Structure formats: C-alpha cells, structure tokens
Amino acid sequence: MAVMPQTGSSHCMHFDTIQCKVRLNGIHSIANTVEASKTKEISFGICPSSWNSFKATKSLNLNAVEVQYKRGYQVIVAASPPTDDAVIATEPLTKEDLVDYLVSGCKPKENWRIGTEHEKFGFEFGTLQPMKYEQIAELLNGISERFDWEKIMEGDKIIGLKQGKQSISLEPGGQFELSGAPLETLHQTCAEVNSHLYQVKAVAEEMGIGFLGIGFQPKWERKDIPIMPKGRYDIMRNYMPKVGSLGLDMMFRTCTVQVNLDFHSEADMIRKFRAGLALQPIATALFANSPFTEEKPNGFLSMRSQIWTDTDNHRTGMLPFVFDDSFGFEQYVDYALDVPMYFVYRKKKYIDCTGMSFRDFMSGKLPCLPDEYPTLNDWENHLTTIFPEVRLKRYLEMRGADGGPWRRLCALPAFWVGILYDDISLQNVLDMTADWTREERQMLRNKVPKFGLKTPFRDGLLKHVAQEVVKLAKDGLERRGYKETGFLNEMNEVVRTGVTPAEKLLELYHGKWGQSVDPVFEELLY
C-alpha cells in the first residue's frame, strides 16, 4: 500500500483510501470495535468506533485472533475513546505516542460526521424542584426498558444509557445529557434530538417530570441541587474550590449544547481550531440563554459562559497559542501535559490525583500511583478534563453555547457545520479574523457574557460581525447540498435585531411574568 505524505506540515498521512494512519512507536495497539458508552468524562463526539491502545505484551488477543505487534509497527486505528484500562502499561509512553493519538483523528472529508451533545435540567412539575437521583434512576430504567437502551452502571447505581452510538449520561447535578451518534447531515442530527426528547418525555411525564432548556439553573441555590453518585464528580467537587470561585456552579448549575466536528489533516485542524476560537464569542452571544440566578436577573446574558472565567484558569480559556505559527498537534500535547490532573481510573474506581502532573505519570513518578505508567486510556481521560472554548481530541469540540430549546439544539450544529465544513466559508472566516489581535479576542470573550451582540467591536457592534458570519454559515450549508439552511432560521431574527434569547427572557421577566422566574419553566419546556 503506497503511503504519501500530505502537503504542508501535517502529521496526517494519506493511504490509497486516504485513511489517516497512526504511527505508534513503541506501543502495541489494538482496534477495538466495541461501542463504548459516553459519560461526562468520555465524550463520544463524532467518532465511528472505539479504540483501545496500550503498551502491553508482544502478543495480544483480539476476538480470538492472535495478533503480533512489533515495535514501530504501523497500524490503522478507529477513533472513539475507551472507558477503562484493560491492559497494564509495561513501558513508558512517549510524547510522540500522545501526538499520534491526536493524529489518529484525521479522516477524509467523505468520512466527516456531525456529533451533537446537549444537556437539560429535569424538574418536578408541581414544585419546580430539581430531579432527585432516585427519580433520575427511575427515569433511566424506564427509558431502558421501554426503548431498549443498555444500562451503564457505576457500582450498583445506574448512571447512564447507551444505544448504538448514542448515549445518555448525567452531569454532576443531574443534568440529563444526550451524546449523539456520528451523523452525516443536520436533518439526521435534528431527527435524533427529536427522537430522544420524545422518548425522555414519554417516561418523564408519567412521573411528573419536565425538562428545561436553559444555560443556568434559574431558581435554585447550589445546596438544593442533588449530587450524582459518580466517583469522578466527588474528586472534582473537592478540587474546584481550590482553583476558582465558580467551579461548583459550573458542575451543578450549568447546561450547554455543543457540536463535535472532524478534520482531515493537521493543517485542516489548525484552520478550524483558529476559526472556532475566534468565533466562539459570537456563538456564545447568539445562544446566550442564562440571565437568571436564584430567581433574579444576574446581570449577565450568559451566566454559564461567565462562570467558566473563574472555574480553573489552568484548563479553560481562549488558548492564544493556537494562533502561533508553531501550533499543531504537538503544541496542543505540550499544553495538555501542563494541565494538572484530576484522576486516574483503575479497576472501575477513580483515584484522586488532583493537581498532579501527567509528565510525572509518564515517568512513573505519579504520587497517587507510584511506579505505574499511563496507558493511552489515561491520556484520553486526561484530555476530557480540559475545558477551553474549543477542545481538541480526535475531533474538535465547539463549547461556547448555552443550553436552549430544541430548535436551538438543531441550530448550533448548523452554524458550525456551515462554516467549518465548507472550504469557502472557512477561508472567508479566517480572512475576516486574521487581523484580530489576541487582546481583541480576549476582550470579546470577557464582554460577550454581559453584553451579547451589543458588545462594541472596532467601529461597530458584534452584531454586525455576527450577521456576516451567519450569512457565511448559510452559504456553506447551501454548498453542502443537503437543504439544511432552514436550521439557521432560529438565528435569523437574533442577528437581525441583535436581541439575544436571554434579553427576550428578561423582557418577559420584567413584563408579563411580573418579576417571577417560574414561568421560564413553561416557556423553555421541552
């Protein structure tokens, strides 16, 4: 099979079939096609199948087939995160192994897919109180039995469901999350959302439970929010107050919607990463939907976005190094290695490694696991504990939008697909933002949570930039040829008027709602 390097500085290589190749020097890898569940800590995104890669013995058994691996052997691997450590590492990982892991996400354009994730607040119809874990367990069991989902357990507690490449998981405060399958068109992603909401409502309404599409819990204090029985969240809950003042609010009182998208090469990843970061404040403004805290206006249009500014600055933000000429997979690995760890997962238990160094782990010097080396599963898990505005795994995650009603769950992927999956629109965005300075990008990140599309920018308002960007997204969708532009309708009035969803909620609050937030539970009910 001929191997030809891609033009430019990309790590990705093309085969005859233009599949992306991984060189795992010193690692013995197996491609595991078992579909793994996506919990909060393992994000499925848009990957087609699952993959476990480990340093192990020279012979590994896969599906009763003995496969011999030699040092430096080159293999093609599928791309989807595993969830557990199946083989103990016997040799240290190298930095090259970590880079190659990210490289393995490259795929040809015909294999690009769209992965959507959204979170929502469950509440009791009568009291508007948050769902308790016992109610969540009943709901998960009911969906499993009625609609044939497989249960995900942590100990004797049900914590999620999976069905094919979809999964349902729980956020720390019981926020209910769908992580969608990798799909080809926006019609499919929106149909998936509608099917999910139908199934959830069919069971939940019988229990007197509804679901709210908003970015921040509008009514209840943090102490009123139930804590989910997941070991990872115990570790995070103890660590968050040490590194920021709002991390617990992020965990227990926020909801988001995000889209996960593919790239075909390192150069393509860089272009999309830069466009995604530059435009993320615009997405935050367009989808701003969290103006209330504890029954009153909080002074922000996106409180959810504001919370991330004081959660943990080691693992959040606008990543200015992405715009450096030297940026690529290796530079992201360097960044991720310097993000303090949360945990290591062993024997179905989370081991607290908060604040410790993955670099020490690679040297066998991790205090919480002395003389042990990480597997690629550990690296995978570590990457999920990093929370910038755009996150790189084996795909790119656009993370800047508040949760909202179902039409916006379809609109967000339409916005990003129209820009990032069309070469012309992507290049136009890169040209438009090329001279934006680091200070301007950070200014937008800082001010948009409060001012939305009315944020001043250069000689006008961010609204004027957003109008142009939404037009580019529409043009990109038209060129895709799937008749997907209708999914942008939800944003047309927003960019025309400059009035965000949050500002409409505030108008209702000060008007016909009589300064009560309770009607929002009906206004934004799924």
Protein backbone atom coordinates (compact mmCIF):
# COMPACT_ATOMS: atom_id res chain seq x y z
CA MET A 1 0.00 0.00 0.00
CA ALA A 2 1.51 3.29 -1.05
CA VAL A 3 1.95 5.91 1.60
CA MET A 4 2.11 9.53 0.50
CA PRO A 5 2.71 12.49 2.79
CA GLN A 6 0.10 15.23 2.77
CA THR A 7 1.29 18.61 1.58
CA GLY A 8 2.18 21.10 4.26
CA SER A 9 3.28 20.42 7.83
CA SER A 10 0.51 17.97 8.65
CA HIS A 11 1.27 14.91 10.73
CA CYS A 12 -1.53 13.14 8.88
CA MET A 13 -0.70 10.80 6.03
CA HIS A 14 -2.82 9.53 3.17
CA PHE A 15 -3.22 5.91 2.12
CA ASP A 16 -4.74 4.75 -1.16
CA THR A 17 -8.06 5.04 0.63
CA ILE A 18 -6.95 8.37 2.12
CA GLN A 19 -7.39 6.93 5.60
CA CYS A 20 -5.42 8.50 8.38
CA LYS A 21 -2.50 6.48 9.67
CA VAL A 22 -1.10 6.33 13.15
CA ARG A 23 2.48 5.52 13.92
CA LEU A 24 2.63 4.21 17.44
CA ASN A 25 6.35 3.89 18.01
CA GLY A 26 6.83 1.64 20.99
CA ILE A 27 3.14 0.98 21.50
CA HIS A 28 1.24 -2.17 20.81
CA SER A 29 -2.23 -1.13 19.65
CA ILE A 30 -5.44 -2.93 19.04
CA ALA A 31 -8.51 -1.60 17.31
CA ASN A 32 -11.50 -2.45 19.43
CA THR A 33 -14.80 -2.06 17.65
CA VAL A 34 -16.89 -2.41 20.77
CA GLU A 35 -19.03 0.69 21.10
CA ALA A 36 -18.26 2.33 24.44
CA SER A 37 -20.68 4.46 26.39
CA LYS A 38 -20.21 8.18 26.53
CA THR A 39 -20.34 9.61 30.02
CA LYS A 40 -19.42 13.15 31.01
CA GLU A 41 -15.82 12.12 31.33
CA ILE A 42 -15.64 10.25 27.98
CA SER A 43 -17.02 12.32 25.14
CA PHE A 44 -18.13 10.27 22.13
CA GLY A 45 -18.28 13.20 19.79
CA ILE A 46 -18.26 12.12 16.19
CA CYS A 47 -16.04 9.10 16.21
CA PRO A 48 -17.15 5.99 14.32
CA SER A 49 -15.97 3.23 16.62
CA SER A 50 -13.97 2.67 19.75
CA TRP A 51 -10.26 2.19 20.19
CA ASN A 52 -8.07 0.85 22.94
CA SER A 53 -4.33 1.32 22.57
CA PHE A 54 -1.90 0.26 25.22
CA LYS A 55 1.70 -0.61 25.97
CA ALA A 56 1.38 -4.32 26.58
CA THR A 57 2.91 -7.64 25.81
CA LYS A 58 4.11 -8.55 22.32
CA SER A 59 1.06 -10.73 21.73
CA LEU A 60 -2.50 -9.54 22.24
CA ASN A 61 -5.67 -11.50 21.65
CA LEU A 62 -8.47 -9.70 19.84
CA ASN A 63 -11.71 -11.52 19.02
CA ALA A 64 -9.90 -14.86 19.39
CA VAL A 65 -7.33 -13.84 16.82
CA GLU A 66 -3.68 -13.73 17.89
CA VAL A 67 -2.13 -10.53 16.59
CA GLN A 68 1.61 -9.95 16.77
CA TYR A 69 2.86 -6.37 17.14
CA LYS A 70 6.45 -5.26 16.79
CA ARG A 71 7.97 -2.03 17.97
CA GLY A 72 7.39 0.67 15.38
CA TYR A 73 4.70 -1.34 13.55
CA GLN A 74 2.22 0.92 11.80
CA VAL A 75 -1.49 0.30 12.18
CA ILE A 76 -4.72 2.00 11.19
CA VAL A 77 -6.98 2.53 14.19
CA ALA A 78 -10.56 3.58 14.56
CA ALA A 79 -11.31 6.65 16.64
CA SER A 80 -13.51 6.61 19.70
CA PRO A 81 -12.45 6.84 23.31
CA PRO A 82 -12.43 3.76 25.51
CA THR A 83 -13.57 3.97 29.10
CA ASP A 84 -11.32 1.73 31.15
CA ASP A 85 -7.81 0.35 31.45
CA ALA A 86 -7.78 -3.17 30.03
CA VAL A 87 -4.03 -3.77 29.97
CA ILE A 88 -1.40 -2.57 32.42
CA ALA A 89 1.32 -0.44 30.84
CA THR A 90 4.75 -2.04 30.90
CA GLU A 91 6.71 0.69 29.12
CA PRO A 92 6.57 4.48 29.38
CA LEU A 93 4.52 6.36 26.83
CA THR A 94 6.46 8.86 24.78
CA LYS A 95 5.35 12.32 23.77
CA GLU A 96 5.24 11.03 20.21
CA ASP A 97 2.65 8.47 21.28
CA LEU A 98 0.46 11.24 22.67
CA VAL A 99 0.79 13.24 19.47
CA ASP A 100 -0.01 10.17 17.36
CA TYR A 101 -3.15 9.67 19.39
CA LEU A 102 -4.46 13.06 18.21
CA VAL A 103 -3.23 12.40 14.66
CA SER A 104 -5.41 9.30 14.58
CA GLY A 105 -8.48 11.54 14.41
CA CYS A 106 -7.69 12.67 10.86
CA LYS A 107 -10.14 11.37 8.29
CA PRO A 108 -11.04 12.14 4.66
CA LYS A 109 -13.84 14.60 4.02
CA GLU A 110 -16.24 11.92 2.88
CA ASN A 111 -15.99 10.39 6.36
CA TRP A 112 -16.62 13.62 8.27
CA ARG A 113 -19.57 13.43 10.61
CA ILE A 114 -21.54 15.67 12.97
CA GLY A 115 -21.81 14.87 16.66
CA THR A 116 -24.13 16.86 18.91
CA GLU A 117 -24.38 16.91 22.68
CA HIS A 118 -26.89 18.74 24.81
CA GLU A 119 -27.73 18.98 28.49
CA LYS A 120 -31.03 19.89 30.15
CA PHE A 121 -32.43 20.39 33.65
CA GLY A 122 -35.03 17.94 34.92
CA PHE A 123 -37.59 19.29 37.40
CA GLU A 124 -40.81 18.29 39.15
CA PHE A 125 -43.88 19.86 37.54
CA GLY A 126 -45.59 20.57 40.85
CA THR A 127 -42.75 22.07 42.84
CA LEU A 128 -40.22 23.05 40.14
CA GLN A 129 -37.65 21.31 42.36
CA PRO A 130 -34.70 19.61 40.65
CA MET A 131 -34.98 15.87 39.98
CA LYS A 132 -33.52 13.76 42.74
CA TYR A 133 -31.19 10.90 41.91
CA GLU A 134 -33.91 8.36 42.77
CA GLN A 135 -36.19 9.94 40.16
CA ILE A 136 -33.35 10.01 37.65
CA ALA A 137 -32.70 6.31 38.25
CA GLU A 138 -36.39 5.56 37.71
CA LEU A 139 -36.33 7.60 34.51
CA LEU A 140 -33.20 5.88 33.18
CA ASN A 141 -34.61 2.46 33.98
CA GLY A 142 -37.90 3.38 32.33
CA ILE A 143 -36.23 4.57 29.12
CA SER A 144 -34.05 1.47 29.08
CA GLU A 145 -36.97 -0.91 29.40
CA ARG A 146 -39.35 0.88 27.07
CA PHE A 147 -36.94 1.86 24.30
CA ASP A 148 -34.28 -0.84 24.53
CA TRP A 149 -31.26 1.08 25.85
CA GLU A 150 -28.39 -0.67 27.59
CA LYS A 151 -27.77 0.43 31.17
CA ILE A 152 -24.47 1.95 32.32
CA MET A 153 -23.68 1.25 35.96
CA GLU A 154 -21.17 2.59 38.46
CA GLY A 155 -21.21 0.06 41.26
CA ASP A 156 -24.88 -0.65 41.88
CA LYS A 157 -26.03 2.77 40.63
CA ILE A 158 -27.38 3.41 37.17
CA ILE A 159 -25.60 6.47 35.74
CA GLY A 160 -26.43 6.37 32.03
CA LEU A 161 -27.66 4.51 28.98
CA LYS A 162 -26.28 3.59 25.58
CA GLN A 163 -27.87 2.50 22.34
CA GLY A 164 -25.69 2.05 19.30
CA LYS A 165 -23.50 5.13 19.10
CA GLN A 166 -25.83 7.30 21.18
CA SER A 167 -25.53 7.63 24.92
CA ILE A 168 -27.33 9.32 27.79
CA SER A 169 -25.30 10.45 30.78
CA LEU A 170 -25.62 12.51 33.94
CA GLU A 171 -23.83 15.72 34.76
CA PRO A 172 -22.78 16.34 38.39
CA GLY A 173 -26.09 17.94 39.39
CA GLY A 174 -28.28 15.51 37.48
CA GLN A 175 -28.34 17.47 34.23
CA PHE A 176 -29.55 14.99 31.62
CA GLU A 177 -27.27 14.74 28.58
CA LEU A 178 -27.66 13.17 25.17
CA SER A 179 -24.44 12.49 23.29
CA GLY A 180 -25.48 11.81 19.75
CA ALA A 181 -24.19 9.35 17.20
CA PRO A 182 -21.83 10.48 14.42
CA LEU A 183 -24.23 11.52 11.67
CA GLU A 184 -23.84 12.77 8.14
CA THR A 185 -26.46 15.52 7.83
CA LEU A 186 -28.15 18.09 10.01
CA HIS A 187 -31.51 16.51 9.18
CA GLN A 188 -30.28 13.35 10.88
CA THR A 189 -28.94 15.20 13.93
CA CYS A 190 -32.20 17.08 14.41
CA ALA A 191 -34.22 13.89 13.98
CA GLU A 192 -32.01 12.27 16.61
CA VAL A 193 -32.70 15.11 19.05
CA ASN A 194 -36.45 14.88 18.42
CA SER A 195 -36.45 11.11 18.91
CA HIS A 196 -34.51 11.47 22.16
CA LEU A 197 -36.85 14.13 23.52
CA TYR A 198 -39.88 12.01 22.59
CA GLN A 199 -38.51 9.02 24.48
CA VAL A 200 -37.48 11.04 27.53
CA LYS A 201 -40.83 12.85 27.71
CA ALA A 202 -42.81 9.64 27.25
CA VAL A 203 -41.38 8.31 30.51
CA ALA A 204 -40.78 11.54 32.41
CA GLU A 205 -44.26 13.00 32.01
CA GLU A 206 -45.76 9.90 33.61
CA MET A 207 -43.51 10.67 36.59
CA GLY A 208 -44.50 14.34 36.74
CA ILE A 209 -41.08 15.37 35.44
CA GLY A 210 -40.31 18.02 32.81
CA PHE A 211 -37.12 19.27 31.21
CA LEU A 212 -35.93 22.85 30.90
CA GLY A 213 -33.71 24.14 28.07
CA ILE A 214 -31.63 26.95 29.58
CA GLY A 215 -27.94 27.62 30.26
CA PHE A 216 -28.03 28.13 34.05
CA GLN A 217 -30.38 26.93 36.78
CA PRO A 218 -32.69 29.96 37.16
CA LYS A 219 -34.29 29.25 40.52
CA TRP A 220 -32.47 27.02 42.95
CA GLU A 221 -29.39 27.53 45.09
CA ARG A 222 -26.42 25.21 44.75
CA LYS A 223 -27.29 23.50 48.03
CA ASP A 224 -30.65 22.48 46.56
CA ILE A 225 -29.07 20.58 43.67
CA PRO A 226 -28.71 16.79 44.10
CA ILE A 227 -25.26 15.24 43.77
CA MET A 228 -24.91 12.33 41.35
CA PRO A 229 -23.23 9.13 42.60
CA LYS A 230 -20.21 9.25 40.29
CA GLY A 231 -16.69 8.95 41.65
CA ARG A 232 -15.19 11.46 39.24
CA TYR A 233 -17.53 14.16 40.46
CA ASP A 234 -16.57 13.63 44.10
CA ILE A 235 -12.96 14.36 43.17
CA MET A 236 -13.88 17.43 41.13
CA ARG A 237 -16.21 18.75 43.83
CA ASN A 238 -13.41 18.70 46.39
CA TYR A 239 -10.86 20.24 44.00
CA MET A 240 -12.88 23.03 42.36
CA PRO A 241 -12.92 25.48 45.31
CA LYS A 242 -9.11 25.36 45.39
CA VAL A 243 -8.70 26.73 41.85
CA GLY A 244 -11.64 29.07 41.28
CA SER A 245 -14.74 30.54 42.87
CA LEU A 246 -17.35 29.33 40.36
CA GLY A 247 -16.32 25.75 39.58
CA LEU A 248 -19.07 24.21 41.67
CA ASP A 249 -21.65 26.34 39.89
CA MET A 250 -20.23 25.06 36.60
CA MET A 251 -20.64 21.49 37.79
CA PHE A 252 -24.10 21.69 39.32
CA ARG A 253 -25.98 24.57 37.73
CA THR A 254 -24.99 24.88 34.04
CA CYS A 255 -26.19 23.29 30.81
CA THR A 256 -24.67 23.54 27.36
CA VAL A 257 -25.11 22.37 23.80
CA GLN A 258 -22.05 21.60 21.69
CA VAL A 259 -21.10 20.17 18.34
CA ASN A 260 -18.12 17.95 17.55
CA LEU A 261 -16.55 18.06 14.10
CA ASP A 262 -13.83 16.31 12.13
CA PHE A 263 -10.66 17.39 10.33
CA HIS A 264 -8.66 15.69 7.57
CA SER A 265 -5.14 16.81 8.45
CA GLU A 266 -3.10 18.80 10.93
CA ALA A 267 -3.34 21.87 8.67
CA ASP A 268 -7.13 21.46 8.49
CA MET A 269 -7.34 21.05 12.26
CA ILE A 270 -5.37 24.28 12.75
CA ARG A 271 -7.63 26.26 10.42
CA LYS A 272 -10.80 25.00 12.10
CA PHE A 273 -9.38 25.46 15.60
CA ARG A 274 -8.48 29.08 14.89
CA ALA A 275 -11.83 29.86 13.26
CA GLY A 276 -13.66 28.15 16.12
CA LEU A 277 -11.82 30.11 18.81
CA ALA A 278 -12.20 33.44 17.04
CA LEU A 279 -15.94 32.95 16.51
CA GLN A 280 -16.75 31.27 19.81
CA PRO A 281 -17.80 34.56 21.48
CA ILE A 282 -20.24 35.10 18.59
CA ALA A 283 -21.75 31.66 19.21
CA THR A 284 -21.94 32.49 22.92
CA ALA A 285 -23.83 35.69 22.09
CA LEU A 286 -26.19 34.10 19.57
CA PHE A 287 -27.15 31.36 22.04
CA ALA A 288 -26.96 33.42 25.28
CA ASN A 289 -29.73 32.00 27.44
CA SER A 290 -28.86 32.18 31.13
CA PRO A 291 -29.84 35.56 32.64
CA PHE A 292 -31.26 34.35 35.97
CA THR A 293 -29.70 33.16 39.23
CA GLU A 294 -31.77 32.22 42.28
CA GLU A 295 -34.96 33.79 40.89
CA LYS A 296 -33.46 37.15 39.90
CA PRO A 297 -31.56 38.64 36.95
CA ASN A 298 -27.85 38.03 37.45
CA GLY A 299 -26.51 40.88 35.34
CA PHE A 300 -25.37 38.59 32.51
CA LEU A 301 -26.91 37.28 29.33
CA SER A 302 -24.83 34.11 29.55
CA MET A 303 -24.11 33.34 33.17
CA ARG A 304 -22.95 29.92 32.02
CA SER A 305 -20.19 31.49 29.95
CA GLN A 306 -19.24 33.91 32.73
CA ILE A 307 -18.82 31.00 35.16
CA TRP A 308 -16.08 29.49 33.02
CA THR A 309 -13.97 32.63 33.53
CA ASP A 310 -13.45 31.70 37.19
CA THR A 311 -13.62 27.90 37.23
CA ASP A 312 -9.99 26.85 36.78
CA ASN A 313 -7.78 29.03 34.60
CA HIS A 314 -5.28 26.19 34.12
CA ARG A 315 -7.77 24.33 31.92
CA THR A 316 -10.10 26.95 30.39
CA GLY A 317 -9.96 29.94 28.08
CA MET A 318 -9.22 31.11 24.55
CA LEU A 319 -5.85 29.33 24.06
CA PRO A 320 -3.90 32.14 22.37
CA PHE A 321 -1.06 29.75 21.45
CA VAL A 322 -3.36 28.20 18.83
CA PHE A 323 -2.70 31.30 16.71
CA ASP A 324 1.09 30.94 16.90
CA ASP A 325 2.89 29.92 13.71
CA SER A 326 4.31 26.89 15.52
CA PHE A 327 0.93 25.49 16.56
CA GLY A 328 -0.02 21.90 15.74
CA PHE A 329 -0.79 18.60 17.39
CA GLU A 330 2.49 18.61 19.29
CA GLN A 331 1.90 22.05 20.77
CA TYR A 332 -1.54 21.01 22.00
CA VAL A 333 0.04 17.98 23.64
CA ASP A 334 2.52 20.28 25.40
CA TYR A 335 -0.38 22.38 26.66
CA ALA A 336 -2.37 19.37 27.83
CA LEU A 337 0.62 17.89 29.64
CA ASP A 338 0.85 21.06 31.71
CA VAL A 339 -2.82 20.96 32.75
CA PRO A 340 -2.98 19.49 36.29
CA MET A 341 -4.62 16.08 36.53
CA TYR A 342 -7.93 15.21 38.19
CA PHE A 343 -7.86 11.43 38.50
CA VAL A 344 -6.71 8.04 37.23
CA TYR A 345 -9.28 5.33 36.57
CA ARG A 346 -8.30 1.86 37.79
CA LYS A 347 -10.39 -1.25 38.45
CA LYS A 348 -13.59 0.77 37.96
CA LYS A 349 -12.54 3.26 40.64
CA TYR A 350 -11.42 6.88 40.39
CA ILE A 351 -8.13 7.60 42.16
CA ASP A 352 -7.69 11.22 43.26
CA CYS A 353 -4.65 12.72 41.51
CA THR A 354 -5.78 16.34 41.61
CA GLY A 355 -3.09 18.89 40.89
CA MET A 356 -0.54 16.24 39.90
CA SER A 357 1.46 16.16 36.66
CA PHE A 358 0.85 13.87 33.70
CA ARG A 359 4.53 14.35 32.88
CA ASP A 360 5.36 12.72 36.23
CA PHE A 361 2.91 9.94 35.40
CA MET A 362 4.80 9.27 32.17
CA SER A 363 7.99 8.91 34.22
CA GLY A 364 6.39 6.50 36.68
CA LYS A 365 6.55 9.14 39.40
CA LEU A 366 2.89 9.96 39.97
CA PRO A 367 2.40 10.22 43.76
CA CYS A 368 -1.06 8.66 43.68
CA LEU A 369 0.16 5.69 41.57
CA PRO A 370 3.90 5.29 42.20
CA ASP A 371 5.86 3.16 39.73
CA GLU A 372 2.90 2.93 37.32
CA TYR A 373 2.89 4.28 33.77
CA PRO A 374 -0.12 5.67 31.93
CA THR A 375 -1.94 3.92 29.11
CA LEU A 376 -3.47 5.82 26.23
CA ASN A 377 -6.75 5.43 28.11
CA ASP A 378 -5.29 7.62 30.84
CA TRP A 379 -4.28 10.19 28.24
CA GLU A 380 -7.75 10.03 26.74
CA ASN A 381 -9.32 10.59 30.14
CA HIS A 382 -6.94 13.45 30.91
CA LEU A 383 -7.89 15.23 27.67
CA THR A 384 -11.55 15.19 28.78
CA THR A 385 -10.65 17.17 31.91
CA ILE A 386 -9.52 20.19 29.85
CA PHE A 387 -12.24 22.79 29.22
CA PRO A 388 -11.18 25.53 26.76
CA GLU A 389 -13.67 27.28 24.50
CA VAL A 390 -12.67 24.85 21.73
CA ARG A 391 -11.29 21.46 22.74
CA LEU A 392 -9.14 19.11 20.70
CA LYS A 393 -9.46 15.35 20.98
CA ARG A 394 -9.58 13.24 17.85
CA TYR A 395 -12.10 15.81 16.71
CA LEU A 396 -12.82 19.43 17.63
CA GLU A 397 -15.50 20.40 20.14
CA MET A 398 -17.26 23.78 19.90
CA ARG A 399 -18.09 24.53 23.53
CA GLY A 400 -19.36 28.12 23.74
CA ALA A 401 -23.17 27.87 23.66
CA ASP A 402 -25.82 27.86 26.38
CA GLY A 403 -28.41 25.12 26.56
CA GLY A 404 -31.71 26.04 24.98
CA PRO A 405 -34.98 24.80 23.46
CA TRP A 406 -34.94 22.11 20.80
CA ARG A 407 -34.80 24.40 17.77
CA ARG A 408 -31.52 25.83 19.05
CA LEU A 409 -30.21 22.30 19.56
CA CYS A 410 -30.53 21.95 15.79
CA ALA A 411 -29.31 25.48 15.02
CA LEU A 412 -25.92 25.26 16.75
CA PRO A 413 -24.56 22.41 14.61
CA ALA A 414 -25.97 24.16 11.54
CA PHE A 415 -23.98 27.29 12.42
CA TRP A 416 -20.68 25.45 12.82
CA VAL A 417 -21.12 22.93 10.01
CA GLY A 418 -21.89 25.73 7.55
CA ILE A 419 -18.64 27.45 8.48
CA LEU A 420 -16.18 24.67 9.25
CA TYR A 421 -17.26 22.00 6.74
CA ASP A 422 -17.21 24.35 3.74
CA ASP A 423 -13.80 25.41 2.43
CA ILE A 424 -15.01 28.74 1.06
CA SER A 425 -16.83 29.86 4.21
CA LEU A 426 -13.98 28.66 6.39
CA GLN A 427 -11.44 30.65 4.37
CA ASN A 428 -13.68 33.72 4.47
CA VAL A 429 -13.84 33.47 8.27
CA LEU A 430 -10.07 33.07 8.51
CA ASP A 431 -9.59 36.12 6.27
CA MET A 432 -12.11 38.12 8.31
CA THR A 433 -10.47 37.29 11.64
CA ALA A 434 -6.82 37.25 10.51
CA ASP A 435 -6.03 40.67 11.93
CA TRP A 436 -7.98 40.24 15.17
CA THR A 437 -5.46 40.62 17.95
CA ARG A 438 -5.08 38.39 20.97
CA GLU A 439 -6.36 41.28 23.10
CA GLU A 440 -9.45 41.72 20.91
CA ARG A 441 -10.31 38.02 21.05
CA GLN A 442 -9.96 38.06 24.82
CA MET A 443 -11.99 41.26 25.09
CA LEU A 444 -14.84 39.59 23.22
CA ARG A 445 -14.60 36.54 25.48
CA ASN A 446 -14.77 38.79 28.56
CA LYS A 447 -17.57 41.12 27.47
CA VAL A 448 -19.95 38.92 25.49
CA PRO A 449 -21.39 37.13 28.57
CA LYS A 450 -22.66 40.52 29.76
CA PHE A 451 -23.38 42.47 26.57
CA GLY A 452 -24.08 39.78 23.98
CA LEU A 453 -24.34 41.03 20.41
CA LYS A 454 -24.27 44.63 21.66
CA THR A 455 -20.60 44.21 22.60
CA PRO A 456 -18.65 47.05 20.95
CA PHE A 457 -16.11 45.82 18.41
CA ARG A 458 -13.89 48.12 16.37
CA ASP A 459 -16.16 50.59 14.56
CA GLY A 460 -19.44 48.85 15.31
CA LEU A 461 -21.08 46.14 17.35
CA LEU A 462 -20.51 42.40 17.45
CA LYS A 463 -23.98 42.12 15.90
CA HIS A 464 -22.58 43.35 12.60
CA VAL A 465 -19.87 40.69 12.58
CA ALA A 466 -22.41 38.04 13.58
CA GLN A 467 -24.65 38.99 10.65
CA GLU A 468 -21.82 38.38 8.24
CA VAL A 469 -20.82 35.12 9.92
CA VAL A 470 -24.36 33.71 9.87
CA LYS A 471 -24.53 34.58 6.16
CA LEU A 472 -21.29 32.63 5.63
CA ALA A 473 -22.77 29.68 7.53
CA LYS A 474 -25.86 29.80 5.30
CA ASP A 475 -23.73 29.92 2.16
CA GLY A 476 -21.69 26.96 3.38
CA LEU A 477 -24.79 24.90 4.06
CA GLU A 478 -26.16 25.70 0.62
CA ARG A 479 -22.97 24.45 -0.99
CA ARG A 480 -23.24 21.19 1.00
CA GLY A 481 -26.36 20.43 -1.00
CA TYR A 482 -28.45 18.82 1.75
CA LYS A 483 -31.08 21.59 2.02
CA GLU A 484 -30.02 22.34 5.60
CA THR A 485 -30.25 26.14 5.66
CA GLY A 486 -33.63 26.06 7.42
CA PHE A 487 -31.90 25.04 10.62
CA LEU A 488 -30.42 28.55 10.79
CA ASN A 489 -33.87 30.18 10.93
CA GLU A 490 -33.73 30.26 14.72
CA MET A 491 -30.81 32.69 14.48
CA ASN A 492 -32.04 34.98 11.73
CA GLU A 493 -34.08 37.27 13.98
CA VAL A 494 -31.35 37.24 16.62
CA VAL A 495 -28.70 38.56 14.22
CA ARG A 496 -31.14 40.95 12.53
CA THR A 497 -32.21 42.63 15.77
CA GLY A 498 -29.17 41.99 17.95
CA VAL A 499 -31.53 40.79 20.70
CA THR A 500 -30.35 37.54 22.27
CA PRO A 501 -32.62 34.84 23.71
CA ALA A 502 -31.58 35.96 27.21
CA GLU A 503 -32.76 39.51 26.55
CA LYS A 504 -36.15 38.20 25.47
CA LEU A 505 -36.39 36.28 28.74
CA LEU A 506 -35.51 39.42 30.70
CA GLU A 507 -38.21 41.37 28.85
CA LEU A 508 -40.76 38.73 29.84
CA TYR A 509 -39.49 38.74 33.42
CA HIS A 510 -39.90 42.49 33.77
CA GLY A 511 -43.19 42.42 31.86
CA LYS A 512 -45.90 39.79 31.84
CA TRP A 513 -44.08 37.43 34.22
CA GLY A 514 -44.30 40.02 36.99
CA GLN A 515 -40.64 39.59 38.04
CA SER A 516 -41.04 35.85 38.62
CA VAL A 517 -38.77 33.25 37.03
CA ASP A 518 -41.26 30.43 37.48
CA PRO A 519 -42.85 30.96 34.03
CA VAL A 520 -39.48 30.18 32.40
CA PHE A 521 -40.07 26.52 33.26
CA GLU A 522 -43.05 26.58 30.91
CA GLU A 523 -41.54 28.96 28.35
CA LEU A 524 -38.47 26.76 27.78
CA LEU A 525 -40.06 23.39 28.49
CA TYR A 526 -39.04 20.65 26.04
